[in-house]
């Protein structure tokens, strides 16, 4: 498999994971928004659900994530209560652990 083919396959996998995670969010939840490429895809997928009427509040882990969330119509709040769900990317994976 070429590097380009692997990158394309990886991008498609990330998109599917992000969309599946967005469908796990229920109305009224408070969601933690991580950072990184997969988390950004999740924020965008969640924003599409918010545009369709889903009501959520979110806590962002970075200013970039906060900016994207707000641009997608997601209400961003300070962390002052337990989160119902947190979605973040994996920075590293170690085999055998």
PDB file of N, CA and C in Angstrom:
ATOM      1  N   UNK A   1       0.850  -1.175   0.000  1.00  0.00           N
ATOM      2  CA  UNK A   1       0.000   0.000   0.000  1.00  0.00           C
ATOM      3  C   UNK A   1       0.897   1.241   0.000  1.00  0.00           C
ATOM      4  N   UNK A   2       0.582   2.200  -0.837  1.00  0.00           N
ATOM      5  CA  UNK A   2       1.385   3.417  -0.914  1.00  0.00           C
ATOM      6  C   UNK A   2       1.114   4.309   0.294  1.00  0.00           C
ATOM      7  N   UNK A   3       2.005   5.245   0.528  1.00  0.00           N
ATOM      8  CA  UNK A   3       1.833   6.199   1.626  1.00  0.00           C
ATOM      9  C   UNK A   3       0.559   7.009   1.425  1.00  0.00           C
ATOM     10  N   UNK A   4       0.303   7.445   0.192  1.00  0.00           N
ATOM     11  CA  UNK A   4      -0.912   8.218  -0.092  1.00  0.00           C
ATOM     12  C   UNK A   4      -2.168   7.395   0.163  1.00  0.00           C
ATOM     13  N   UNK A   5      -2.156   6.137  -0.229  1.00  0.00           N
ATOM     14  CA  UNK A   5      -3.315   5.267  -0.009  1.00  0.00           C
ATOM     15  C   UNK A   5      -3.543   5.046   1.479  1.00  0.00           C
ATOM     16  N   UNK A   6      -2.461   4.857   2.218  1.00  0.00           N
ATOM     17  CA  UNK A   6      -2.574   4.665   3.669  1.00  0.00           C
ATOM     18  C   UNK A   6      -3.109   5.923   4.340  1.00  0.00           C
ATOM     19  N   UNK A   7      -2.635   7.086   3.920  1.00  0.00           N
ATOM     20  CA  UNK A   7      -3.112   8.352   4.485  1.00  0.00           C
ATOM     21  C   UNK A   7      -4.593   8.548   4.197  1.00  0.00           C
ATOM     22  N   UNK A   8      -5.014   8.208   2.996  1.00  0.00           N
ATOM     23  CA  UNK A   8      -6.423   8.326   2.623  1.00  0.00           C
ATOM     24  C   UNK A   8      -7.283   7.381   3.455  1.00  0.00           C
ATOM     25  N   UNK A   9      -6.818   6.161   3.619  1.00  0.00           N
ATOM     26  CA  UNK A   9      -7.545   5.178   4.419  1.00  0.00           C
ATOM     27  C   UNK A   9      -7.625   5.643   5.871  1.00  0.00           C
ATOM     28  N   UNK A  10      -6.538   6.209   6.393  1.00  0.00           N
ATOM     29  CA  UNK A  10      -6.501   6.711   7.757  1.00  0.00           C
ATOM     30  C   UNK A  10      -7.495   7.858   7.928  1.00  0.00           C
ATOM     31  N   UNK A  11      -7.544   8.768   6.961  1.00  0.00           N
ATOM     32  CA  UNK A  11      -8.468   9.902   7.028  1.00  0.00           C
ATOM     33  C   UNK A  11      -9.916   9.423   7.015  1.00  0.00           C
ATOM     34  N   UNK A  12     -10.215   8.438   6.190  1.00  0.00           N
ATOM     35  CA  UNK A  12     -11.576   7.886   6.132  1.00  0.00           C
ATOM     36  C   UNK A  12     -11.944   7.218   7.456  1.00  0.00           C
ATOM     37  N   UNK A  13     -11.005   6.513   8.051  1.00  0.00           N
ATOM     38  CA  UNK A  13     -11.255   5.857   9.337  1.00  0.00           C
ATOM     39  C   UNK A  13     -11.522   6.888  10.423  1.00  0.00           C
ATOM     40  N   UNK A  14     -10.729   7.941  10.454  1.00  0.00           N
ATOM     41  CA  UNK A  14     -10.925   9.004  11.440  1.00  0.00           C
ATOM     42  C   UNK A  14     -12.295   9.646  11.286  1.00  0.00           C
ATOM     43  N   UNK A  15     -12.713   9.873  10.053  1.00  0.00           N
ATOM     44  CA  UNK A  15     -14.021  10.482   9.807  1.00  0.00           C
ATOM     45  C   UNK A  15     -15.138   9.576  10.317  1.00  0.00           C
ATOM     46  N   UNK A  16     -15.033   8.281  10.056  1.00  0.00           N
ATOM     47  CA  UNK A  16     -16.055   7.336  10.522  1.00  0.00           C
ATOM     48  C   UNK A  16     -16.115   7.295  12.051  1.00  0.00           C
ATOM     49  N   UNK A  17     -14.955   7.290  12.686  1.00  0.00           N
ATOM     50  CA  UNK A  17     -14.903   7.276  14.152  1.00  0.00           C
ATOM     51  C   UNK A  17     -15.529   8.552  14.709  1.00  0.00           C
ATOM     52  N   UNK A  18     -15.190   9.688  14.129  1.00  0.00           N
ATOM     53  CA  UNK A  18     -15.724  10.972  14.595  1.00  0.00           C
ATOM     54  C   UNK A  18     -17.241  11.018  14.467  1.00  0.00           C
ATOM     55  N   UNK A  19     -17.754  10.565  13.344  1.00  0.00           N
ATOM     56  CA  UNK A  19     -19.202  10.576  13.131  1.00  0.00           C
ATOM     57  C   UNK A  19     -19.910   9.611  14.079  1.00  0.00           C
ATOM     58  N   UNK A  20     -19.329   8.441  14.299  1.00  0.00           N
ATOM     59  CA  UNK A  20     -19.927   7.480  15.232  1.00  0.00           C
ATOM     60  C   UNK A  20     -19.961   8.059  16.646  1.00  0.00           C
ATOM     61  N   UNK A  21     -18.882   8.712  17.049  1.00  0.00           N
ATOM     62  CA  UNK A  21     -18.834   9.320  18.383  1.00  0.00           C
ATOM     63  C   UNK A  21     -19.866  10.433  18.510  1.00  0.00           C
ATOM     64  N   UNK A  22     -20.049  11.214  17.457  1.00  0.00           N
ATOM     65  CA  UNK A  22     -21.039  12.298  17.498  1.00  0.00           C
ATOM     66  C   UNK A  22     -22.443  11.745  17.707  1.00  0.00           C
ATOM     67  N   UNK A  23     -22.713  10.570  17.185  1.00  0.00           N
ATOM     68  CA  UNK A  23     -24.035   9.960  17.365  1.00  0.00           C
ATOM     69  C   UNK A  23     -24.211   9.362  18.749  1.00  0.00           C
ATOM     70  N   UNK A  24     -23.151   9.283  19.547  1.00  0.00           N
ATOM     71  CA  UNK A  24     -23.256   8.820  20.929  1.00  0.00           C
ATOM     72  C   UNK A  24     -23.725   9.936  21.856  1.00  0.00           C
ATOM     73  N   UNK A  25     -23.653  11.165  21.394  1.00  0.00           N
ATOM     74  CA  UNK A  25     -24.032  12.318  22.207  1.00  0.00           C
ATOM     75  C   UNK A  25     -25.553  12.435  22.233  1.00  0.00           C
ATOM     76  N   UNK A  26     -26.084  12.577  23.443  1.00  0.00           N
ATOM     77  CA  UNK A  26     -27.527  12.704  23.628  1.00  0.00           C
ATOM     78  C   UNK A  26     -27.889  14.132  24.005  1.00  0.00           C
ATOM     79  N   UNK A  27     -29.129  14.493  23.733  1.00  0.00           N
ATOM     80  CA  UNK A  27     -29.626  15.825  24.023  1.00  0.00           C
ATOM     81  C   UNK A  27     -29.398  16.175  25.494  1.00  0.00           C
ATOM     82  N   UNK A  28     -28.863  17.366  25.743  1.00  0.00           N
ATOM     83  CA  UNK A  28     -28.640  17.850  27.096  1.00  0.00           C
ATOM     84  C   UNK A  28     -27.306  17.479  27.709  1.00  0.00           C
ATOM     85  N   UNK A  29     -26.499  16.698  27.023  1.00  0.00           N
ATOM     86  CA  UNK A  29     -25.198  16.288  27.562  1.00  0.00           C
ATOM     87  C   UNK A  29     -24.220  17.458  27.630  1.00  0.00           C
ATOM     88  N   UNK A  30     -23.254  17.309  28.538  1.00  0.00           N
ATOM     89  CA  UNK A  30     -22.099  18.200  28.600  1.00  0.00           C
ATOM     90  C   UNK A  30     -20.919  17.366  28.128  1.00  0.00           C
ATOM     91  N   UNK A  31     -20.278  17.813  27.050  1.00  0.00           N
ATOM     92  CA  UNK A  31     -19.274  17.016  26.356  1.00  0.00           C
ATOM     93  C   UNK A  31     -17.902  17.676  26.443  1.00  0.00           C
ATOM     94  N   UNK A  32     -16.880  16.889  26.734  1.00  0.00           N
ATOM     95  CA  UNK A  32     -15.509  17.360  26.690  1.00  0.00           C
ATOM     96  C   UNK A  32     -14.968  17.208  25.282  1.00  0.00           C
ATOM     97  N   UNK A  33     -14.396  18.284  24.767  1.00  0.00           N
ATOM     98  CA  UNK A  33     -13.857  18.290  23.406  1.00  0.00           C
ATOM     99  C   UNK A  33     -12.343  18.322  23.464  1.00  0.00           C
ATOM    100  N   UNK A  34     -11.706  17.278  22.973  1.00  0.00           N
ATOM    101  CA  UNK A  34     -10.255  17.195  22.959  1.00  0.00           C
ATOM    102  C   UNK A  34      -9.657  17.982  21.812  1.00  0.00           C
ATOM    103  N   UNK A  35      -8.415  17.684  21.517  1.00  0.00           N
ATOM    104  CA  UNK A  35      -7.730  18.373  20.422  1.00  0.00           C
ATOM    105  C   UNK A  35      -7.089  17.337  19.507  1.00  0.00           C
ATOM    106  N   UNK A  36      -6.688  17.791  18.356  1.00  0.00           N
ATOM    107  CA  UNK A  36      -6.097  16.900  17.371  1.00  0.00           C
ATOM    108  C   UNK A  36      -7.029  16.699  16.195  1.00  0.00           C
ATOM    109  N   UNK A  37      -6.550  15.993  15.193  1.00  0.00           N
ATOM    110  CA  UNK A  37      -7.296  15.874  13.938  1.00  0.00           C
ATOM    111  C   UNK A  37      -8.603  15.101  14.086  1.00  0.00           C
ATOM    112  N   UNK A  38      -8.606  14.004  14.825  1.00  0.00           N
ATOM    113  CA  UNK A  38      -9.835  13.233  14.987  1.00  0.00           C
ATOM    114  C   UNK A  38     -10.831  13.982  15.859  1.00  0.00           C
ATOM    115  N   UNK A  39     -10.355  14.618  16.915  1.00  0.00           N
ATOM    116  CA  UNK A  39     -11.237  15.407  17.777  1.00  0.00           C
ATOM    117  C   UNK A  39     -11.860  16.557  16.992  1.00  0.00           C
ATOM    118  N   UNK A  40     -11.093  17.162  16.099  1.00  0.00           N
ATOM    119  CA  UNK A  40     -11.635  18.242  15.269  1.00  0.00           C
ATOM    120  C   UNK A  40     -12.743  17.716  14.358  1.00  0.00           C
ATOM    121  N   UNK A  41     -12.552  16.554  13.789  1.00  0.00           N
ATOM    122  CA  UNK A  41     -13.598  15.949  12.964  1.00  0.00           C
ATOM    123  C   UNK A  41     -14.847  15.670  13.797  1.00  0.00           C
ATOM    124  N   UNK A  42     -14.647  15.236  15.041  1.00  0.00           N
ATOM    125  CA  UNK A  42     -15.775  15.011  15.944  1.00  0.00           C
ATOM    126  C   UNK A  42     -16.529  16.311  16.202  1.00  0.00           C
ATOM    127  N   UNK A  43     -15.806  17.389  16.479  1.00  0.00           N
ATOM    128  CA  UNK A  43     -16.453  18.677  16.747  1.00  0.00           C
ATOM    129  C   UNK A  43     -17.297  19.090  15.548  1.00  0.00           C
ATOM    130  N   UNK A  44     -16.778  18.905  14.369  1.00  0.00           N
ATOM    131  CA  UNK A  44     -17.533  19.269  13.158  1.00  0.00           C
ATOM    132  C   UNK A  44     -18.771  18.371  12.984  1.00  0.00           C
ATOM    133  N   UNK A  45     -18.631  17.082  13.266  1.00  0.00           N
ATOM    134  CA  UNK A  45     -19.778  16.169  13.178  1.00  0.00           C
ATOM    135  C   UNK A  45     -20.815  16.509  14.246  1.00  0.00           C
ATOM    136  N   UNK A  46     -20.354  16.855  15.433  1.00  0.00           N
ATOM    137  CA  UNK A  46     -21.264  17.262  16.500  1.00  0.00           C
ATOM    138  C   UNK A  46     -21.968  18.562  16.126  1.00  0.00           C
ATOM    139  N   UNK A  47     -21.233  19.478  15.522  1.00  0.00           N
ATOM    140  CA  UNK A  47     -21.827  20.733  15.070  1.00  0.00           C
ATOM    141  C   UNK A  47     -22.953  20.516  14.075  1.00  0.00           C
ATOM    142  N   UNK A  48     -22.805  19.532  13.210  1.00  0.00           N
ATOM    143  CA  UNK A  48     -23.868  19.210  12.252  1.00  0.00           C
ATOM    144  C   UNK A  48     -25.114  18.734  12.991  1.00  0.00           C
ATOM    145  N   UNK A  49     -24.922  17.969  14.053  1.00  0.00           N
ATOM    146  CA  UNK A  49     -26.070  17.511  14.848  1.00  0.00           C
ATOM    147  C   UNK A  49     -26.713  18.672  15.598  1.00  0.00           C
ATOM    148  N   UNK A  50     -25.889  19.595  16.092  1.00  0.00           N
ATOM    149  CA  UNK A  50     -26.416  20.786  16.768  1.00  0.00           C
ATOM    150  C   UNK A  50     -27.248  21.607  15.786  1.00  0.00           C
ATOM    151  N   UNK A  51     -26.779  21.726  14.566  1.00  0.00           N
ATOM    152  CA  UNK A  51     -27.528  22.463  13.536  1.00  0.00           C
ATOM    153  C   UNK A  51     -28.883  21.815  13.267  1.00  0.00           C
ATOM    154  N   UNK A  52     -28.979  20.510  13.517  1.00  0.00           N
ATOM    155  CA  UNK A  52     -30.238  19.784  13.332  1.00  0.00           C
ATOM    156  C   UNK A  52     -31.115  19.795  14.581  1.00  0.00           C
ATOM    157  N   UNK A  53     -30.659  20.492  15.641  1.00  0.00           N
ATOM    158  CA  UNK A  53     -31.498  20.647  16.827  1.00  0.00           C
ATOM    159  C   UNK A  53     -31.001  20.012  18.110  1.00  0.00           C
ATOM    160  N   UNK A  54     -29.890  19.280  18.067  1.00  0.00           N
ATOM    161  CA  UNK A  54     -29.340  18.692  19.285  1.00  0.00           C
ATOM    162  C   UNK A  54     -28.889  19.814  20.213  1.00  0.00           C
ATOM    163  N   UNK A  55     -29.229  19.701  21.503  1.00  0.00           N
ATOM    164  CA  UNK A  55     -28.813  20.696  22.489  1.00  0.00           C
ATOM    165  C   UNK A  55     -27.714  20.093  23.358  1.00  0.00           C
ATOM    166  N   UNK A  56     -26.530  20.667  23.285  1.00  0.00           N
ATOM    167  CA  UNK A  56     -25.404  20.225  24.107  1.00  0.00           C
ATOM    168  C   UNK A  56     -24.622  21.442  24.570  1.00  0.00           C
ATOM    169  N   UNK A  57     -23.844  21.222  25.615  1.00  0.00           N
ATOM    170  CA  UNK A  57     -22.843  22.195  26.045  1.00  0.00           C
ATOM    171  C   UNK A  57     -21.511  21.469  26.017  1.00  0.00           C
ATOM    172  N   UNK A  58     -20.443  22.216  25.809  1.00  0.00           N
ATOM    173  CA  UNK A  58     -19.142  21.571  25.667  1.00  0.00           C
ATOM    174  C   UNK A  58     -18.062  22.330  26.421  1.00  0.00           C
ATOM    175  N   UNK A  59     -17.061  21.580  26.841  1.00  0.00           N
ATOM    176  CA  UNK A  59     -15.852  22.128  27.449  1.00  0.00           C
ATOM    177  C   UNK A  59     -14.709  21.788  26.504  1.00  0.00           C
ATOM    178  N   UNK A  60     -13.984  22.800  26.057  1.00  0.00           N
ATOM    179  CA  UNK A  60     -12.895  22.599  25.094  1.00  0.00           C
ATOM    180  C   UNK A  60     -11.550  22.555  25.808  1.00  0.00           C
ATOM    181  N   UNK A  61     -10.645  21.716  25.301  1.00  0.00           N
ATOM    182  CA  UNK A  61      -9.315  21.596  25.901  1.00  0.00           C
ATOM    183  C   UNK A  61      -8.292  22.536  25.281  1.00  0.00           C
ATOM    184  N   UNK A  62      -8.669  23.221  24.215  1.00  0.00           N
ATOM    185  CA  UNK A  62      -7.736  24.150  23.577  1.00  0.00           C
ATOM    186  C   UNK A  62      -8.510  25.300  22.953  1.00  0.00           C
ATOM    187  N   UNK A  63      -7.812  26.396  22.730  1.00  0.00           N
ATOM    188  CA  UNK A  63      -8.471  27.549  22.103  1.00  0.00           C
ATOM    189  C   UNK A  63      -8.877  27.220  20.667  1.00  0.00           C
ATOM    190  N   UNK A  64      -8.090  26.415  19.978  1.00  0.00           N
ATOM    191  CA  UNK A  64      -8.452  26.027  18.609  1.00  0.00           C
ATOM    192  C   UNK A  64      -9.759  25.233  18.601  1.00  0.00           C
ATOM    193  N   UNK A  65      -9.863  24.257  19.496  1.00  0.00           N
ATOM    194  CA  UNK A  65     -11.084  23.463  19.582  1.00  0.00           C
ATOM    195  C   UNK A  65     -12.268  24.344  19.955  1.00  0.00           C
ATOM    196  N   UNK A  66     -12.061  25.260  20.874  1.00  0.00           N
ATOM    197  CA  UNK A  66     -13.134  26.178  21.271  1.00  0.00           C
ATOM    198  C   UNK A  66     -13.600  27.019  20.086  1.00  0.00           C
ATOM    199  N   UNK A  67     -12.664  27.535  19.315  1.00  0.00           N
ATOM    200  CA  UNK A  67     -13.006  28.350  18.147  1.00  0.00           C
ATOM    201  C   UNK A  67     -13.824  27.546  17.140  1.00  0.00           C
ATOM    202  N   UNK A  68     -13.400  26.329  16.870  1.00  0.00           N
ATOM    203  CA  UNK A  68     -14.130  25.482  15.921  1.00  0.00           C
ATOM    204  C   UNK A  68     -15.526  25.173  16.460  1.00  0.00           C
ATOM    205  N   UNK A  69     -15.607  24.821  17.739  1.00  0.00           N
ATOM    206  CA  UNK A  69     -16.905  24.490  18.336  1.00  0.00           C
ATOM    207  C   UNK A  69     -17.866  25.671  18.240  1.00  0.00           C
ATOM    208  N   UNK A  70     -17.400  26.838  18.622  1.00  0.00           N
ATOM    209  CA  UNK A  70     -18.265  28.024  18.558  1.00  0.00           C
ATOM    210  C   UNK A  70     -18.696  28.303  17.121  1.00  0.00           C
ATOM    211  N   UNK A  71     -17.786  28.119  16.166  1.00  0.00           N
ATOM    212  CA  UNK A  71     -18.134  28.373  14.761  1.00  0.00           C
ATOM    213  C   UNK A  71     -19.178  27.381  14.250  1.00  0.00           C
ATOM    214  N   UNK A  72     -19.276  26.224  14.911  1.00  0.00           N
ATOM    215  CA  UNK A  72     -20.251  25.200  14.534  1.00  0.00           C
ATOM    216  C   UNK A  72     -21.557  25.337  15.321  1.00  0.00           C
ATOM    217  N   UNK A  73     -21.651  26.373  16.159  1.00  0.00           N
ATOM    218  CA  UNK A  73     -22.877  26.604  16.922  1.00  0.00           C
ATOM    219  C   UNK A  73     -22.969  25.834  18.223  1.00  0.00           C
ATOM    220  N   UNK A  74     -21.855  25.279  18.669  1.00  0.00           N
ATOM    221  CA  UNK A  74     -21.826  24.526  19.926  1.00  0.00           C
ATOM    222  C   UNK A  74     -21.561  25.502  21.064  1.00  0.00           C
ATOM    223  N   UNK A  75     -22.400  25.449  22.102  1.00  0.00           N
ATOM    224  CA  UNK A  75     -22.216  26.310  23.270  1.00  0.00           C
ATOM    225  C   UNK A  75     -21.021  25.805  24.076  1.00  0.00           C
ATOM    226  N   UNK A  76     -20.024  26.662  24.269  1.00  0.00           N
ATOM    227  CA  UNK A  76     -18.827  26.296  25.029  1.00  0.00           C
ATOM    228  C   UNK A  76     -18.921  26.924  26.414  1.00  0.00           C
ATOM    229  N   UNK A  77     -18.706  26.108  27.446  1.00  0.00           N
ATOM    230  CA  UNK A  77     -18.809  26.549  28.833  1.00  0.00           C
ATOM    231  C   UNK A  77     -17.524  26.203  29.581  1.00  0.00           C
ATOM    232  N   UNK A  78     -17.397  26.761  30.790  1.00  0.00           N
ATOM    233  CA  UNK A  78     -16.267  26.435  31.660  1.00  0.00           C
ATOM    234  C   UNK A  78     -16.526  25.093  32.344  1.00  0.00           C
ATOM    235  N   UNK A  79     -15.469  24.423  32.715  1.00  0.00           N
ATOM    236  CA  UNK A  79     -15.586  23.146  33.420  1.00  0.00           C
ATOM    237  C   UNK A  79     -15.972  23.430  34.869  1.00  0.00           C
ATOM    238  N   UNK A  80     -17.238  23.203  35.194  1.00  0.00           N
ATOM    239  CA  UNK A  80     -17.692  23.413  36.569  1.00  0.00           C
ATOM    240  C   UNK A  80     -18.639  22.311  37.042  1.00  0.00           C
ATOM    241  N   UNK A  81     -18.727  21.240  36.272  1.00  0.00           N
ATOM    242  CA  UNK A  81     -19.560  20.099  36.653  1.00  0.00           C
ATOM    243  C   UNK A  81     -19.042  18.866  35.913  1.00  0.00           C
ATOM    244  N   UNK A  82     -19.497  17.685  36.313  1.00  0.00           N
ATOM    245  CA  UNK A  82     -19.032  16.466  35.634  1.00  0.00           C
ATOM    246  C   UNK A  82     -19.427  16.449  34.155  1.00  0.00           C
ATOM    247  N   UNK A  83     -18.560  15.867  33.349  1.00  0.00           N
ATOM    248  CA  UNK A  83     -18.832  15.724  31.919  1.00  0.00           C
ATOM    249  C   UNK A  83     -19.525  14.387  31.665  1.00  0.00           C
ATOM    250  N   UNK A  84     -20.436  14.377  30.711  1.00  0.00           N
ATOM    251  CA  UNK A  84     -21.131  13.144  30.353  1.00  0.00           C
ATOM    252  C   UNK A  84     -20.312  12.280  29.395  1.00  0.00           C
ATOM    253  N   UNK A  85     -19.489  12.921  28.580  1.00  0.00           N
ATOM    254  CA  UNK A  85     -18.705  12.218  27.563  1.00  0.00           C
ATOM    255  C   UNK A  85     -17.518  13.093  27.191  1.00  0.00           C
ATOM    256  N   UNK A  86     -16.374  12.478  26.972  1.00  0.00           N
ATOM    257  CA  UNK A  86     -15.189  13.199  26.502  1.00  0.00           C
ATOM    258  C   UNK A  86     -14.684  12.495  25.250  1.00  0.00           C
ATOM    259  N   UNK A  87     -14.399  13.274  24.214  1.00  0.00           N
ATOM    260  CA  UNK A  87     -13.856  12.715  22.978  1.00  0.00           C
ATOM    261  C   UNK A  87     -12.525  13.399  22.697  1.00  0.00           C
ATOM    262  N   UNK A  88     -11.474  12.599  22.600  1.00  0.00           N
ATOM    263  CA  UNK A  88     -10.133  13.117  22.340  1.00  0.00           C
ATOM    264  C   UNK A  88      -9.429  12.136  21.415  1.00  0.00           C
ATOM    265  N   UNK A  89      -8.382  12.580  20.790  1.00  0.00           N
ATOM    266  CA  UNK A  89      -7.607  11.717  19.911  1.00  0.00           C
ATOM    267  C   UNK A  89      -6.536  10.976  20.686  1.00  0.00           C
ATOM    268  N   UNK A  90      -6.003   9.938  20.069  1.00  0.00           N
ATOM    269  CA  UNK A  90      -4.901   9.183  20.661  1.00  0.00           C
ATOM    270  C   UNK A  90      -3.595   9.737  20.118  1.00  0.00           C
ATOM    271  N   UNK A  91      -2.758  10.253  21.016  1.00  0.00           N
ATOM    272  CA  UNK A  91      -1.473  10.803  20.590  1.00  0.00           C
ATOM    273  C   UNK A  91      -0.465   9.705  20.275  1.00  0.00           C
ATOM    274  N   UNK A  92      -0.615   8.578  20.960  1.00  0.00           N
ATOM    275  CA  UNK A  92       0.309   7.467  20.742  1.00  0.00           C
ATOM    276  C   UNK A  92      -0.370   6.169  21.152  1.00  0.00           C
ATOM    277  N   UNK A  93       0.054   5.093  20.528  1.00  0.00           N
ATOM    278  CA  UNK A  93      -0.462   3.771  20.867  1.00  0.00           C
ATOM    279  C   UNK A  93       0.730   2.850  21.058  1.00  0.00           C
ATOM    280  N   UNK A  94       0.737   2.128  22.160  1.00  0.00           N
ATOM    281  CA  UNK A  94       1.823   1.201  22.439  1.00  0.00           C
ATOM    282  C   UNK A  94       1.275  -0.215  22.412  1.00  0.00           C
ATOM    283  N   UNK A  95       1.865  -1.051  21.580  1.00  0.00           N
ATOM    284  CA  UNK A  95       1.416  -2.444  21.480  1.00  0.00           C
ATOM    285  C   UNK A  95       1.738  -3.202  22.764  1.00  0.00           C
ATOM    286  N   UNK A  96       0.844  -4.123  23.105  1.00  0.00           N
ATOM    287  CA  UNK A  96       1.091  -5.006  24.234  1.00  0.00           C
ATOM    288  C   UNK A  96       0.783  -4.419  25.591  1.00  0.00           C
ATOM    289  N   UNK A  97       0.114  -3.271  25.634  1.00  0.00           N
ATOM    290  CA  UNK A  97      -0.212  -2.701  26.949  1.00  0.00           C
ATOM    291  C   UNK A  97      -1.687  -2.754  27.206  1.00  0.00           C
TER     292      UNK A  97
END
